C-alpha atoms as a PDB file:
ATOM      1  CA  MET A   1      25.005  -1.996   1.671  1.00  0.00           C
ATOM      2  CA  ASN A   2      22.586  -3.840   4.776  1.00  0.00           C
ATOM      3  CA  LYS A   3      21.361  -2.216   7.720  1.00  0.00           C
ATOM      4  CA  THR A   4      23.874  -3.255  10.143  1.00  0.00           C
ATOM      5  CA  ASP A   5      26.743  -1.530   7.967  1.00  0.00           C
ATOM      6  CA  ALA A   6      24.790   1.794   8.104  1.00  0.00           C
ATOM      7  CA  PRO A   7      26.126   4.758  10.158  1.00  0.00           C
ATOM      8  CA  GLU A   8      24.631   6.166  12.793  1.00  0.00           C
ATOM      9  CA  ASN A   9      21.708   8.696  12.900  1.00  0.00           C
ATOM     10  CA  PRO A  10      23.425  11.993  12.010  1.00  0.00           C
ATOM     11  CA  TRP A  11      19.773  14.064  13.138  1.00  0.00           C
ATOM     12  CA  GLN A  12      20.046  15.537  16.770  1.00  0.00           C
ATOM     13  CA  THR A  13      15.830  15.484  17.997  1.00  0.00           C
ATOM     14  CA  HIS A  14      15.621  18.115  20.995  1.00  0.00           C
ATOM     15  CA  LYS A  15      12.100  18.608  21.160  1.00  0.00           C
ATOM     16  CA  GLN A  16       8.633  16.585  19.576  1.00  0.00           C
ATOM     17  CA  GLU A  17       5.162  17.981  19.859  1.00  0.00           C
ATOM     18  CA  VAL A  18       2.045  16.445  17.908  1.00  0.00           C
ATOM     19  CA  VAL A  19       0.363  19.252  15.925  1.00  0.00           C
ATOM     20  CA  TYR A  20      -2.701  16.990  14.593  1.00  0.00           C
ATOM     21  CA  GLU A  21      -4.029  13.387  15.341  1.00  0.00           C
ATOM     22  CA  ASN A  22      -6.921  11.267  13.855  1.00  0.00           C
ATOM     23  CA  PRO A  23      -8.330   8.040  14.272  1.00  0.00           C
ATOM     24  CA  TRP A  24      -6.090   6.816  11.295  1.00  0.00           C
ATOM     25  CA  LEU A  25      -3.066   9.347  11.390  1.00  0.00           C
ATOM     26  CA  ARG A  26      -0.889  11.267  13.726  1.00  0.00           C
ATOM     27  CA  VAL A  27       1.108  14.492  12.609  1.00  0.00           C
ATOM     28  CA  THR A  28       4.793  15.503  14.466  1.00  0.00           C
ATOM     29  CA  GLU A  29       6.565  18.042  14.400  1.00  0.00           C
ATOM     30  CA  SER A  30      10.652  17.757  15.725  1.00  0.00           C
ATOM     31  CA  GLN A  31      13.127  20.337  16.620  1.00  0.00           C
ATOM     32  CA  VAL A  32      15.961  19.287  15.262  1.00  0.00           C
ATOM     33  CA  THR A  33      19.915  19.787  14.037  1.00  0.00           C
ATOM     34  CA  HIS A  34      19.808  18.626  10.730  1.00  0.00           C
ATOM     35  CA  PRO A  35      23.035  16.533   9.394  1.00  0.00           C
ATOM     36  CA  GLY A  36      24.524  19.906   8.246  1.00  0.00           C
ATOM     37  CA  GLY A  37      24.828  21.320  11.773  1.00  0.00           C
ATOM     38  CA  GLY A  38      22.036  23.521  11.796  1.00  0.00           C
ATOM     39  CA  PRO A  39      18.714  23.818  13.420  1.00  0.00           C
ATOM     40  CA  GLY A  40      15.548  23.162  11.766  1.00  0.00           C
ATOM     41  CA  ILE A  41      11.743  21.847  11.908  1.00  0.00           C
ATOM     42  CA  TYR A  42      10.821  17.722  10.689  1.00  0.00           C
ATOM     43  CA  GLY A  43       7.492  17.049  10.011  1.00  0.00           C
ATOM     44  CA  VAL A  44       6.621  13.375  10.203  1.00  0.00           C
ATOM     45  CA  VAL A  45       3.254  11.278   9.640  1.00  0.00           C
ATOM     46  CA  HIS A  46       2.505   8.206  11.038  1.00  0.00           C
ATOM     47  CA  PHE A  47      -0.266   6.127   9.843  1.00  0.00           C
ATOM     48  CA  LYS A  48      -1.914   3.836  12.496  1.00  0.00           C
ATOM     49  CA  THR A  49      -2.237   1.086  10.484  1.00  0.00           C
ATOM     50  CA  ARG A  50      -0.146  -0.712   7.986  1.00  0.00           C
ATOM     51  CA  ALA A  51      -0.767  -0.154   4.253  1.00  0.00           C
ATOM     52  CA  ILE A  52      -2.222  -3.385   2.723  1.00  0.00           C
ATOM     53  CA  GLY A  53      -2.192  -4.555  -1.096  1.00  0.00           C
ATOM     54  CA  ILE A  54      -4.107  -7.286  -3.013  1.00  0.00           C
ATOM     55  CA  ILE A  55      -3.970  -8.305  -6.557  1.00  0.00           C
ATOM     56  CA  PRO A  56      -6.428 -11.171  -6.845  1.00  0.00           C
ATOM     57  CA  ILE A  57      -5.450 -13.666  -9.906  1.00  0.00           C
ATOM     58  CA  ASP A  58      -8.728 -15.751 -11.148  1.00  0.00           C
ATOM     59  CA  ARG A  59      -8.359 -19.022 -13.066  1.00  0.00           C
ATOM     60  CA  ASN A  60      -8.593 -16.650 -16.330  1.00  0.00           C
ATOM     61  CA  ASP A  61      -5.147 -14.659 -15.491  1.00  0.00           C
ATOM     62  CA  CYS A  62      -7.545 -11.659 -15.128  1.00  0.00           C
ATOM     63  CA  THR A  63      -7.504  -9.543 -12.187  1.00  0.00           C
ATOM     64  CA  ARG A  64      -9.616  -6.596 -10.291  1.00  0.00           C
ATOM     65  CA  LEU A  65      -9.014  -3.271 -10.384  1.00  0.00           C
ATOM     66  CA  VAL A  66     -11.080  -0.966  -8.173  1.00  0.00           C
ATOM     67  CA  GLY A  67     -11.372   2.621  -9.017  1.00  0.00           C
ATOM     68  CA  GLN A  68     -12.329   5.547  -6.890  1.00  0.00           C
ATOM     69  CA  TYR A  69     -12.248   9.338  -6.614  1.00  0.00           C
ATOM     70  CA  ARG A  70      -9.193  10.229  -4.435  1.00  0.00           C
ATOM     71  CA  TYR A  71      -9.785  13.159  -2.619  1.00  0.00           C
ATOM     72  CA  ALA A  72      -6.526  14.429  -1.809  1.00  0.00           C
ATOM     73  CA  THR A  73      -5.218  13.991  -5.437  1.00  0.00           C
ATOM     74  CA  SER A  74      -8.857  15.355  -6.588  1.00  0.00           C
ATOM     75  CA  THR A  75      -8.386  12.229  -8.937  1.00  0.00           C
ATOM     76  CA  TYR A  76     -10.135   9.381 -10.303  1.00  0.00           C
ATOM     77  CA  GLU A  77      -7.750   5.867 -10.472  1.00  0.00           C
ATOM     78  CA  TRP A  78      -8.148   2.075 -10.663  1.00  0.00           C
ATOM     79  CA  GLU A  79      -5.741   0.733  -8.739  1.00  0.00           C
ATOM     80  CA  ILE A  80      -5.252  -2.993  -6.779  1.00  0.00           C
ATOM     81  CA  ALA A  81      -7.402  -3.848  -3.592  1.00  0.00           C
ATOM     82  CA  ALA A  82      -6.145  -2.437  -0.258  1.00  0.00           C
ATOM     83  CA  GLY A  83      -6.908  -0.833   2.904  1.00  0.00           C
ATOM     84  CA  GLY A  84      -5.181  -0.911   6.197  1.00  0.00           C
ATOM     85  CA  CYS A  85      -3.760  -3.639   8.121  1.00  0.00           C
ATOM     86  CA  PRO A  86      -4.625  -1.809  12.245  1.00  0.00           C
ATOM     87  CA  GLU A  87      -1.795  -2.661  14.783  1.00  0.00           C
ATOM     88  CA  GLY A  88      -2.798  -6.112  16.781  1.00  0.00           C
ATOM     89  CA  GLU A  89      -4.273  -7.776  13.085  1.00  0.00           C
ATOM     90  CA  GLU A  90      -2.406 -10.235  11.186  1.00  0.00           C
ATOM     91  CA  PRO A  91      -1.263  -8.733   7.723  1.00  0.00           C
ATOM     92  CA  GLU A  92      -2.441 -11.844   5.984  1.00  0.00           C
ATOM     93  CA  ALA A  93      -5.923 -11.891   7.773  1.00  0.00           C
ATOM     94  CA  ALA A  94      -5.880  -7.974   6.430  1.00  0.00           C
ATOM     95  CA  ALA A  95      -5.509  -8.669   3.199  1.00  0.00           C
ATOM     96  CA  LEU A  96      -8.185 -11.356   2.758  1.00  0.00           C
ATOM     97  CA  ARG A  97     -10.650  -9.200   4.723  1.00  0.00           C
ATOM     98  CA  GLU A  98      -9.962  -6.041   2.585  1.00  0.00           C
ATOM     99  CA  LEU A  99     -10.129  -7.977  -0.722  1.00  0.00           C
ATOM    100  CA  GLN A 100     -13.230  -9.443   0.198  1.00  0.00           C
ATOM    101  CA  GLU A 101     -14.714  -5.733   1.575  1.00  0.00           C
ATOM    102  CA  GLU A 102     -13.712  -4.232  -1.832  1.00  0.00           C
ATOM    103  CA  THR A 103     -13.984  -6.708  -4.753  1.00  0.00           C
ATOM    104  CA  GLY A 104     -16.137  -9.609  -2.535  1.00  0.00           C
ATOM    105  CA  LEU A 105     -13.489 -12.097  -3.590  1.00  0.00           C
ATOM    106  CA  ILE A 106     -12.778 -14.247  -1.007  1.00  0.00           C
ATOM    107  CA  ALA A 107      -9.560 -16.127  -1.502  1.00  0.00           C
ATOM    108  CA  ASP A 108      -8.387 -19.690  -1.032  1.00  0.00           C
ATOM    109  CA  ASP A 109      -3.916 -18.843  -0.994  1.00  0.00           C
ATOM    110  CA  LEU A 110      -2.147 -15.915  -0.639  1.00  0.00           C
ATOM    111  CA  GLU A 111       1.394 -15.550  -1.637  1.00  0.00           C
ATOM    112  CA  LEU A 112       3.956 -12.474  -0.011  1.00  0.00           C
ATOM    113  CA  LEU A 113       4.457  -9.974  -2.867  1.00  0.00           C
ATOM    114  CA  LEU A 114       6.572  -7.577  -1.483  1.00  0.00           C
ATOM    115  CA  GLU A 115       7.176  -6.515   2.641  1.00  0.00           C
ATOM    116  CA  ASN A 116       7.848  -3.703   4.538  1.00  0.00           C
ATOM    117  CA  VAL A 117       7.947  -1.282   1.673  1.00  0.00           C
ATOM    118  CA  ALA A 118       8.320   2.248   2.904  1.00  0.00           C
ATOM    119  CA  LEU A 119       6.118   4.258   0.966  1.00  0.00           C
ATOM    120  CA  SER A 120       7.395   7.578   1.596  1.00  0.00           C
ATOM    121  CA  ASN A 121      10.344   7.765   3.914  1.00  0.00           C
ATOM    122  CA  SER A 122      10.795  11.394   3.731  1.00  0.00           C
ATOM    123  CA  VAL A 123       7.976  12.492   5.553  1.00  0.00           C
ATOM    124  CA  THR A 124       6.370   9.635   6.429  1.00  0.00           C
ATOM    125  CA  ASP A 125       6.998   6.079   8.715  1.00  0.00           C
ATOM    126  CA  GLU A 126       3.984   4.190   6.561  1.00  0.00           C
ATOM    127  CA  ARG A 127       5.187   0.748   5.493  1.00  0.00           C
ATOM    128  CA  CYS A 128       2.975  -1.532   2.993  1.00  0.00           C
ATOM    129  CA  THR A 129       2.949  -5.533   2.308  1.00  0.00           C
ATOM    130  CA  ILE A 130       1.511  -6.510  -1.133  1.00  0.00           C
ATOM    131  CA  TYR A 131      -0.122 -10.158  -1.199  1.00  0.00           C
ATOM    132  CA  VAL A 132      -1.421 -12.328  -4.671  1.00  0.00           C
ATOM    133  CA  ALA A 133      -4.600 -14.144  -4.190  1.00  0.00           C
ATOM    134  CA  THR A 134      -5.613 -16.772  -5.923  1.00  0.00           C
ATOM    135  CA  GLY A 135      -8.456 -19.869  -5.337  1.00  0.00           C
ATOM    136  CA  LEU A 136     -11.346 -16.934  -5.423  1.00  0.00           C
ATOM    137  CA  THR A 137     -14.551 -17.717  -4.795  1.00  0.00           C
ATOM    138  CA  GLN A 138     -17.073 -14.357  -5.716  1.00  0.00           C
ATOM    139  CA  GLY A 139     -18.916 -13.148  -2.661  1.00  0.00           C
ATOM    140  CA  GLU A 140     -20.243  -9.735  -1.882  1.00  0.00           C
ATOM    141  CA  ALA A 141     -18.465  -6.545  -1.468  1.00  0.00           C
ATOM    142  CA  ASN A 142     -19.050  -4.760   1.827  1.00  0.00           C
ATOM    143  CA  PRO A 143     -17.019  -1.587   0.909  1.00  0.00           C
ATOM    144  CA  GLU A 144     -16.698   0.947   3.885  1.00  0.00           C
ATOM    145  CA  ASP A 145     -19.384   4.030   3.677  1.00  0.00           C
ATOM    146  CA  CYS A 146     -16.711   6.524   3.013  1.00  0.00           C
ATOM    147  CA  GLU A 147     -16.407   4.458  -0.369  1.00  0.00           C
ATOM    148  CA  LEU A 148     -17.905   4.018  -3.893  1.00  0.00           C
ATOM    149  CA  LEU A 149     -16.129   2.052  -5.986  1.00  0.00           C
ATOM    150  CA  ALA A 150     -16.612   0.208  -9.078  1.00  0.00           C
ATOM    151  CA  ILE A 151     -14.633  -3.105 -10.016  1.00  0.00           C
ATOM    152  CA  ARG A 152     -13.290  -3.960 -13.243  1.00  0.00           C
ATOM    153  CA  THR A 153     -12.110  -7.321 -14.719  1.00  0.00           C
ATOM    154  CA  VAL A 154      -8.655  -7.239 -16.785  1.00  0.00           C
ATOM    155  CA  PRO A 155      -6.273  -9.272 -17.574  1.00  0.00           C
ATOM    156  CA  VAL A 156      -3.541  -9.316 -15.377  1.00  0.00           C
ATOM    157  CA  ASP A 157      -0.893  -8.665 -18.448  1.00  0.00           C
ATOM    158  CA  GLU A 158      -2.921  -5.817 -19.292  1.00  0.00           C
ATOM    159  CA  ALA A 159      -3.005  -4.350 -15.310  1.00  0.00           C
ATOM    160  CA  ILE A 160       0.806  -4.428 -15.289  1.00  0.00           C
ATOM    161  CA  HIS A 161       0.909  -2.481 -18.465  1.00  0.00           C
ATOM    162  CA  MET A 162      -1.716  -0.027 -17.616  1.00  0.00           C
ATOM    163  CA  ALA A 163       0.760   0.308 -14.422  1.00  0.00           C
ATOM    164  CA  MET A 164       3.903   0.371 -16.949  1.00  0.00           C
ATOM    165  CA  ASN A 165       2.421   3.554 -19.019  1.00  0.00           C
ATOM    166  CA  GLY A 166       1.077   5.480 -16.094  1.00  0.00           C
ATOM    167  CA  ASP A 167      -2.776   3.877 -16.296  1.00  0.00           C
ATOM    168  CA  ILE A 168      -2.275   2.902 -12.531  1.00  0.00           C
ATOM    169  CA  VAL A 169      -0.253   5.694 -10.799  1.00  0.00           C
ATOM    170  CA  ASP A 170      -1.033   4.543  -7.195  1.00  0.00           C
ATOM    171  CA  GLY A 171       2.098   3.388  -5.284  1.00  0.00           C
ATOM    172  CA  VAL A 172       1.142   0.510  -3.983  1.00  0.00           C
ATOM    173  CA  SER A 173      -0.472  -0.826  -7.247  1.00  0.00           C
ATOM    174  CA  VAL A 174       2.268   0.118  -9.526  1.00  0.00           C
ATOM    175  CA  LEU A 175       4.828  -1.068  -6.986  1.00  0.00           C
ATOM    176  CA  GLY A 176       2.484  -4.641  -6.750  1.00  0.00           C
ATOM    177  CA  LEU A 177       2.365  -4.695 -10.574  1.00  0.00           C
ATOM    178  CA  LEU A 178       5.751  -4.398 -11.385  1.00  0.00           C
ATOM    179  CA  LYS A 179       7.131  -6.872  -9.041  1.00  0.00           C
ATOM    180  CA  LEU A 180       4.439  -9.241 -10.124  1.00  0.00           C
ATOM    181  CA  GLY A 181       5.581  -8.249 -13.674  1.00  0.00           C
ATOM    182  CA  ILE A 182       8.880  -8.838 -13.440  1.00  0.00           C
ATOM    183  CA  MET A 183       8.451 -12.305 -11.765  1.00  0.00           C
ATOM    184  CA  ARG A 184       6.190 -13.534 -14.747  1.00  0.00           C
ATOM    185  CA  SER A 185       9.124 -13.119 -17.126  1.00  0.00           C
ATOM    186  CA  ASN A 186      11.305 -15.003 -15.133  1.00  0.00           C
ATOM    187  CA  ARG A 187       8.240 -17.676 -14.714  1.00  0.00           C
ATOM    188  CA  SER A 188       8.086 -17.741 -11.042  1.00  0.00           C
ATOM    189  CA  ILE A 189       4.720 -16.867 -10.059  1.00  0.00           C
END
């Protein structure tokens, strides 16, 4: 079914109120009538940036994973390079910027891997775009003040395997690496 075949919105919104906002996100609570006809509330988290993920691949067929402690889950995670694309910035520019900030890598080429992916559409409107970066030159990393990052170089196939076996659990990373794995098995990238 494509979007033009989709039924009309069965939700009725009666009132919306912003219940929390900071520089990165806004939480809205809506008074609604749900599709079953009863009253309810619905909370939506709106992210003020688009999520961007980047899988760099060097000439030795290795990638860089970024390790960091994630406050929300109280876990240390290995992920692909990622960040946010604020309104007004082109996703490609954000991808190049985030890759350099987190890993120090400067890429000559970006190839779109996934676009407009809904990351958790039951509670947020956040969308994600993921790229493969090649033609890499090592420069200086410049992480944000709130980031304490480790960089790990691994063969691309090992990173894909890490996503398949649960060693990498970040959604953006898993999506990108598994899509890359499928494309590589089809020999299209």
